């Protein structure tokens, strides 16, 4: 038995005053309308309507039941209405995950653009450098920064790229000198990133493709890029940082690039969402928005000149 359909038939019979009128309103045969009511009464174990050849009337059970039945149908109509709105305009809570430094400096300042264009969406952003599980942890969208995206069932849109560069403060260079080659790094104070997949091995490649891998012994390690940046600015050592963190401080003169002919490689920045057949419009609109945000050139890749 289709309980909701049977409830709808029952309410319609009462509202129209006859089986024939209710059946016509619902596009059913009179016999089918009668069957739905009979099935509902059998399921409840109680008669809902008194039937005579000339009239219908509610039993005491039917009178009590119909009030709740009307509420159920009204709530169902409201649920359908809300679901329909979700397909017409972005709305609801958008749970967003992003790495700490990137989220603070290159996502949070722009979120107002999105919420202004989508006033019915409330963005809830969680900043953490660990890799989150979108489905298990209930995130709609996650920003992921990686040299290589692992295969998954997630939808991944590449939104920007970043270069990993070596930098230090002018005071550090004045005191310790600048390394002439990657091999010289073993004689310097180096700062380690504990979330890095390469651990304490720094991989640098020059313009001709020569690769040098150097195992460092970090003077200080941290699990956050901004913390490493501040330690480097204070003269604490050499930092291997993505340019979306380092470039602003290179531009201000707080840091200088070290071994400028060598690169720590390129990172790709992705926006991820779960691959679902009926993707919520709030997710689709956010993915479209962030897909254009850093185009054609991310703000951190501007050719900076130290002040």
Protein backbone atom coordinates (compact mmCIF):
# COMPACT_ATOMS: atom_id res chain seq x y z
CA UNK A 1 0.00 0.00 0.00
CA UNK A 2 1.14 3.51 -0.83
CA UNK A 3 0.29 5.13 2.50
CA UNK A 4 0.76 8.71 1.36
CA UNK A 5 -1.41 8.13 -1.69
CA UNK A 6 -4.06 6.47 0.46
CA UNK A 7 -4.02 9.40 2.90
CA UNK A 8 -4.34 11.82 -0.01
CA UNK A 9 -7.33 9.87 -1.35
CA UNK A 10 -8.99 9.84 2.09
CA UNK A 11 -8.62 13.61 2.55
CA UNK A 12 -9.82 14.29 -1.00
CA UNK A 13 -12.92 12.10 -0.50
CA UNK A 14 -13.82 14.07 2.62
CA UNK A 15 -13.15 17.43 0.95
CA UNK A 16 -15.20 16.58 -2.17
CA UNK A 17 -17.96 14.72 -0.37
CA UNK A 18 -18.01 11.66 -2.61
CA UNK A 19 -15.87 8.91 -4.05
CA UNK A 20 -16.73 9.90 -7.61
CA UNK A 21 -15.73 13.54 -7.20
CA UNK A 22 -12.51 12.61 -5.38
CA UNK A 23 -11.60 10.05 -8.03
CA UNK A 24 -12.10 12.61 -10.79
CA UNK A 25 -10.00 15.20 -8.95
CA UNK A 26 -7.14 12.72 -8.51
CA UNK A 27 -7.39 11.14 -11.95
CA UNK A 28 -8.38 7.76 -10.56
CA UNK A 29 -11.25 5.38 -11.16
CA UNK A 30 -13.95 5.27 -8.48
CA UNK A 31 -13.03 1.67 -7.72
CA UNK A 32 -9.36 2.59 -7.24
CA UNK A 33 -10.27 5.44 -4.87
CA UNK A 34 -12.43 3.02 -2.90
CA UNK A 35 -9.56 0.50 -2.81
CA UNK A 36 -7.11 3.09 -1.43
CA UNK A 37 -9.52 3.97 1.39
CA UNK A 38 -10.19 0.32 2.18
CA UNK A 39 -6.45 -0.40 2.32
CA UNK A 40 -5.89 2.54 4.67
CA UNK A 41 -8.68 1.44 7.00
CA UNK A 42 -7.35 -2.11 6.99
CA UNK A 43 -3.87 -0.84 7.83
CA UNK A 44 -5.21 1.27 10.71
CA UNK A 45 -7.65 -1.38 11.87
CA UNK A 46 -10.40 1.22 12.13
CA UNK A 47 -13.20 2.63 9.97
CA UNK A 48 -12.64 6.24 8.93
CA UNK A 49 -15.86 6.95 7.03
CA UNK A 50 -19.48 6.01 7.53
CA UNK A 51 -20.90 5.22 4.10
CA UNK A 52 -24.53 5.20 2.99
CA UNK A 53 -25.97 5.33 -0.49
CA UNK A 54 -26.69 9.03 -0.03
CA UNK A 55 -23.90 10.41 2.18
CA UNK A 56 -20.50 10.07 3.76
CA UNK A 57 -19.56 11.09 7.29
CA UNK A 58 -16.45 10.84 9.40
CA UNK A 59 -16.30 8.37 12.23
CA UNK A 60 -14.80 9.61 15.49
CA UNK A 61 -11.54 7.92 14.48
CA UNK A 62 -11.75 9.48 11.03
CA UNK A 63 -12.35 12.94 12.51
CA UNK A 64 -9.23 12.64 14.66
CA UNK A 65 -7.17 11.09 11.87
CA UNK A 66 -8.00 13.64 9.19
CA UNK A 67 -6.50 16.53 11.14
CA UNK A 68 -3.14 14.78 11.32
CA UNK A 69 -3.53 13.65 7.72
CA UNK A 70 -3.97 17.25 6.57
CA UNK A 71 -0.83 18.23 8.51
CA UNK A 72 1.15 15.43 6.86
CA UNK A 73 0.06 16.47 3.37
CA UNK A 74 0.76 20.13 4.12
CA UNK A 75 4.24 19.28 5.37
CA UNK A 76 4.86 17.18 2.27
CA UNK A 77 3.77 20.07 0.05
CA UNK A 78 6.11 22.38 1.95
CA UNK A 79 8.98 19.91 1.60
CA UNK A 80 8.33 19.74 -2.14
CA UNK A 81 8.25 23.53 -2.31
CA UNK A 82 11.57 23.86 -0.48
CA UNK A 83 13.18 21.19 -2.63
CA UNK A 84 11.90 22.98 -5.72
CA UNK A 85 13.41 26.26 -4.54
CA UNK A 86 16.74 24.50 -4.04
CA UNK A 87 16.77 23.73 -7.75
CA UNK A 88 15.86 27.30 -8.71
CA UNK A 89 18.16 29.36 -6.53
CA UNK A 90 21.28 28.59 -4.44
CA UNK A 91 20.39 28.43 -0.76
CA UNK A 92 21.21 26.73 2.51
CA UNK A 93 24.42 26.13 4.44
CA UNK A 94 27.56 25.54 2.35
CA UNK A 95 30.20 23.66 4.37
CA UNK A 96 33.63 24.59 3.01
CA UNK A 97 37.06 23.23 3.97
CA UNK A 98 40.36 24.90 3.04
CA UNK A 99 44.02 24.84 4.09
CA UNK A 100 44.72 27.40 6.80
CA UNK A 101 47.09 29.84 5.09
CA UNK A 102 45.41 29.71 1.70
CA UNK A 103 42.00 30.09 3.28
CA UNK A 104 42.99 33.10 5.39
CA UNK A 105 44.83 35.04 2.68
CA UNK A 106 43.27 34.00 -0.61
CA UNK A 107 39.77 32.72 0.10
CA UNK A 108 38.29 34.52 3.10
CA UNK A 109 38.86 38.01 1.61
CA UNK A 110 36.77 37.09 -1.44
CA UNK A 111 33.88 35.16 0.13
CA UNK A 112 31.84 38.34 0.42
CA UNK A 113 31.71 38.42 -3.38
CA UNK A 114 30.05 35.02 -3.40
CA UNK A 115 27.62 35.66 -0.54
CA UNK A 116 26.60 39.02 -2.04
CA UNK A 117 25.71 37.29 -5.29
CA UNK A 118 24.05 34.41 -3.41
CA UNK A 119 22.37 35.96 -0.35
CA UNK A 120 20.45 32.78 0.52
CA UNK A 121 23.64 30.76 0.99
CA UNK A 122 25.40 30.78 4.38
CA UNK A 123 29.06 29.76 4.03
CA UNK A 124 30.60 27.84 6.94
CA UNK A 125 34.36 27.67 6.35
CA UNK A 126 36.66 25.33 8.28
CA UNK A 127 40.41 25.98 8.02
CA UNK A 128 42.79 23.09 8.57
CA UNK A 129 45.85 21.80 6.71
CA UNK A 130 44.85 18.15 7.00
CA UNK A 131 43.08 16.29 4.19
CA UNK A 132 39.38 16.05 5.04
CA UNK A 133 36.92 13.38 3.95
CA UNK A 134 34.13 15.34 2.28
CA UNK A 135 31.46 12.68 2.56
CA UNK A 136 32.27 11.40 6.06
CA UNK A 137 32.74 14.89 7.53
CA UNK A 138 29.83 16.55 5.76
CA UNK A 139 31.67 19.10 3.62
CA UNK A 140 30.12 20.37 0.40
CA UNK A 141 33.37 21.72 -1.07
CA UNK A 142 37.03 21.36 -0.12
CA UNK A 143 40.09 23.21 -1.38
CA UNK A 144 43.05 20.89 -1.84
CA UNK A 145 46.62 21.85 -2.74
CA UNK A 146 48.82 19.10 -4.11
CA UNK A 147 51.52 18.28 -6.62
CA UNK A 148 49.45 15.33 -7.82
CA UNK A 149 45.75 14.72 -7.35
CA UNK A 150 44.98 11.18 -6.27
CA UNK A 151 42.26 9.28 -8.10
CA UNK A 152 38.90 9.44 -6.35
CA UNK A 153 35.18 9.62 -6.98
CA UNK A 154 35.23 13.34 -6.22
CA UNK A 155 34.76 16.02 -8.84
CA UNK A 156 37.97 18.07 -8.98
CA UNK A 157 38.26 21.47 -10.66
CA UNK A 158 41.72 23.01 -10.90
CA UNK A 159 41.36 26.65 -9.94
CA UNK A 160 44.99 27.85 -9.83
CA UNK A 161 48.65 26.87 -9.61
CA UNK A 162 51.40 27.85 -7.20
CA UNK A 163 55.18 27.54 -7.20
CA UNK A 164 57.19 26.38 -4.19
CA UNK A 165 60.15 28.70 -3.59
CA UNK A 166 63.01 29.03 -1.11
CA UNK A 167 63.22 32.21 0.94
CA UNK A 168 64.81 33.77 4.03
CA UNK A 169 64.93 37.11 5.79
CA UNK A 170 67.57 39.72 4.86
CA UNK A 171 68.88 39.50 8.43
CA UNK A 172 69.36 35.75 8.12
CA UNK A 173 71.27 36.17 4.86
CA UNK A 174 73.39 38.94 6.38
CA UNK A 175 74.31 36.70 9.31
CA UNK A 176 74.63 33.28 7.67
CA UNK A 177 75.12 34.08 4.02
CA UNK A 178 73.10 32.69 1.12
CA UNK A 179 73.55 29.09 -0.01
CA UNK A 180 75.25 28.89 -3.39
CA UNK A 181 73.80 25.49 -4.32
CA UNK A 182 71.10 23.20 -2.95
CA UNK A 183 73.80 21.03 -1.36
CA UNK A 184 74.79 23.98 0.81
CA UNK A 185 71.42 23.77 2.57
CA UNK A 186 72.78 21.13 4.93
CA UNK A 187 74.93 23.85 6.50
CA UNK A 188 71.97 26.19 7.12
CA UNK A 189 69.11 26.49 9.55
CA UNK A 190 66.03 25.15 7.77
CA UNK A 191 62.36 25.26 8.73
CA UNK A 192 60.26 22.11 8.35
CA UNK A 193 56.59 21.75 7.43
CA UNK A 194 55.18 18.76 9.29
CA UNK A 195 52.21 18.27 6.95
CA UNK A 196 54.47 18.00 3.91
CA UNK A 197 54.36 14.68 2.06
CA UNK A 198 58.11 14.79 1.40
CA UNK A 199 58.99 14.99 5.09
CA UNK A 200 62.42 16.52 5.64
CA UNK A 201 63.64 15.95 2.08
CA UNK A 202 63.65 19.12 -0.01
CA UNK A 203 63.50 18.57 -3.77
CA UNK A 204 64.73 21.43 -5.96
CA UNK A 205 64.98 21.58 -9.73
CA UNK A 206 66.78 24.15 -11.88
CA UNK A 207 65.76 25.57 -15.24
CA UNK A 208 67.59 22.81 -17.09
CA UNK A 209 65.72 20.10 -15.23
CA UNK A 210 68.50 19.08 -12.85
CA UNK A 211 67.01 17.65 -9.66
CA UNK A 212 68.68 17.97 -6.26
CA UNK A 213 67.22 16.30 -3.18
CA UNK A 214 68.57 17.41 0.17
CA UNK A 215 67.69 15.94 3.55
CA UNK A 216 67.40 18.75 6.06
CA UNK A 217 67.50 18.69 9.86
CA UNK A 218 64.89 21.33 10.75
CA UNK A 219 65.84 23.90 13.35
CA UNK A 220 62.09 24.42 13.85
CA UNK A 221 59.12 22.51 12.44
CA UNK A 222 55.53 23.70 12.24
CA UNK A 223 52.26 22.37 10.88
CA UNK A 224 51.19 25.71 9.41
CA UNK A 225 52.64 27.77 6.57
CA UNK A 226 51.99 31.15 8.20
CA UNK A 227 53.86 30.04 11.32
CA UNK A 228 56.84 29.02 9.18
CA UNK A 229 56.65 32.37 7.41
CA UNK A 230 56.80 34.32 10.66
CA UNK A 231 59.75 32.26 11.91
CA UNK A 232 61.57 32.95 8.64
CA UNK A 233 60.82 36.68 8.85
CA UNK A 234 62.28 36.70 12.37
CA UNK A 235 65.53 35.26 11.00
CA UNK A 236 64.91 31.70 12.17
CA UNK A 237 66.04 29.99 8.98
CA UNK A 238 65.35 29.12 5.36
CA UNK A 239 61.78 28.28 4.40
CA UNK A 240 60.50 26.31 1.42
CA UNK A 241 57.13 27.94 0.88
CA UNK A 242 54.39 28.12 -1.74
CA UNK A 243 54.45 31.49 -3.44
CA UNK A 244 50.89 32.26 -2.34
CA UNK A 245 52.35 32.60 1.17
CA UNK A 246 55.84 33.95 0.47
CA UNK A 247 55.28 36.50 -2.29
CA UNK A 248 53.56 39.10 -0.13
CA UNK A 249 56.55 39.18 2.24
CA UNK A 250 59.05 39.16 -0.61
CA UNK A 251 57.18 42.17 -2.02
CA UNK A 252 57.42 44.02 1.29
CA UNK A 253 61.13 43.22 1.70
CA UNK A 254 60.61 41.08 4.79
CA UNK A 255 61.93 38.08 2.87
CA UNK A 256 64.20 37.55 -0.11
CA UNK A 257 64.24 34.69 -2.55
CA UNK A 258 67.08 32.21 -2.07
CA UNK A 259 68.50 30.12 -4.94
CA UNK A 260 66.20 31.91 -7.40
CA UNK A 261 67.34 29.62 -10.22
CA UNK A 262 65.89 26.64 -8.38
CA UNK A 263 62.24 25.74 -7.79
CA UNK A 264 60.60 23.47 -5.27
CA UNK A 265 58.09 22.50 -7.94
CA UNK A 266 54.55 23.40 -8.89
CA UNK A 267 51.41 22.79 -6.88
CA UNK A 268 47.90 22.64 -8.26
CA UNK A 269 45.01 24.09 -6.29
CA UNK A 270 41.72 22.24 -6.67
CA UNK A 271 38.14 22.74 -5.58
CA UNK A 272 36.56 19.37 -4.82
CA UNK A 273 32.96 18.31 -4.40
CA UNK A 274 31.21 14.97 -4.18
CA UNK A 275 30.08 13.51 -7.48
CA UNK A 276 26.31 13.33 -7.06
CA UNK A 277 23.58 12.94 -9.65
CA UNK A 278 21.55 15.83 -8.25
CA UNK A 279 24.22 18.28 -7.17
CA UNK A 280 22.79 21.05 -4.96
CA UNK A 281 22.67 24.39 -6.73
CA UNK A 282 24.62 26.00 -3.87
CA UNK A 283 27.54 23.64 -4.64
CA UNK A 284 27.32 24.15 -8.38
CA UNK A 285 27.23 27.94 -8.01
CA UNK A 286 30.23 27.95 -5.65
CA UNK A 287 32.26 25.68 -7.92
CA UNK A 288 31.50 27.96 -10.88
CA UNK A 289 32.40 31.07 -8.88
CA UNK A 290 35.70 29.82 -7.49
CA UNK A 291 36.60 28.36 -10.88
CA UNK A 292 36.78 31.94 -12.19
CA UNK A 293 38.09 33.67 -9.05
CA UNK A 294 41.82 33.34 -9.73
CA UNK A 295 41.62 33.71 -13.51
CA UNK A 296 43.38 34.73 -15.64
CA UNK A 297 46.22 35.20 -13.14
CA UNK A 298 46.17 34.55 -9.38
CA UNK A 299 46.96 37.62 -7.30
CA UNK A 300 49.97 35.96 -5.66
CA UNK A 301 51.72 35.43 -9.01
CA UNK A 302 51.96 39.12 -9.84
CA UNK A 303 55.56 40.15 -10.56
CA UNK A 304 56.44 41.66 -7.21
CA UNK A 305 59.19 44.23 -6.76
CA UNK A 306 60.50 44.55 -3.18
CA UNK A 307 59.75 47.93 -1.65
